[in-house]
Amino acid sequence: MSKTKIVAEKGAQNVVISREFNSPRELVFNTYTDPTTVPEWWGPKRYKTTVDRMDVKKGGIWRFIHRDVEGNEYAFNGVYHEVNSPERIINTFEVEGYPEFIGLVTINLEKMPGGKTKFIENTVYQSVEGRDGMIKAGMSEGAIELLDRLEELLDSIQNV
């Protein structure tokens, strides 16, 4: 059973993804916002992830590119609206070429006892249809794998 919980209530425009990490909040935040670590965990393993842009500040732009083994590219981008280290990030999320897949993402990192962190991501899409389209496109599986990979990286950083 996955450690990632995904809630998408019928008829709502949002998806809430949550997970606990056995890592301190500062480490989770720094790893999440470091462009040198993003290729190690962002997205499914079957893709190579490249950080084209990542300016983690209010008004800053991010753009990541996935490449498959055949050279096909899938790009994602957004704008940071709030960066409050180590507690919160608010940014837009867009799948390039699919304007119906634009969302406003709020990530809260809650400090927990024992040096753990609760990750809570709430993404609000422009419509229920857009949100449902993301789910049908494999968003849930991608989010689970992405957070599994982030946890592996966090564990490896702590065990160095």
Foldseek 3Di string as FASTA:
>chain_A
DFQKDWDDDPFAQKIKIKHKALAALQLLQCLVQDQVNCQQFQWAPQWGKHWPAHDPAAQGKTKIWTAHPVGDIKMKMWGWHHDDPSFKTWIWIDTPPDRQQIWIKIWGWDGDPNRMTMIMIMIGTPGNVSSVVCVVVPVVVGVRRRVVSSNVVSVVVVVD
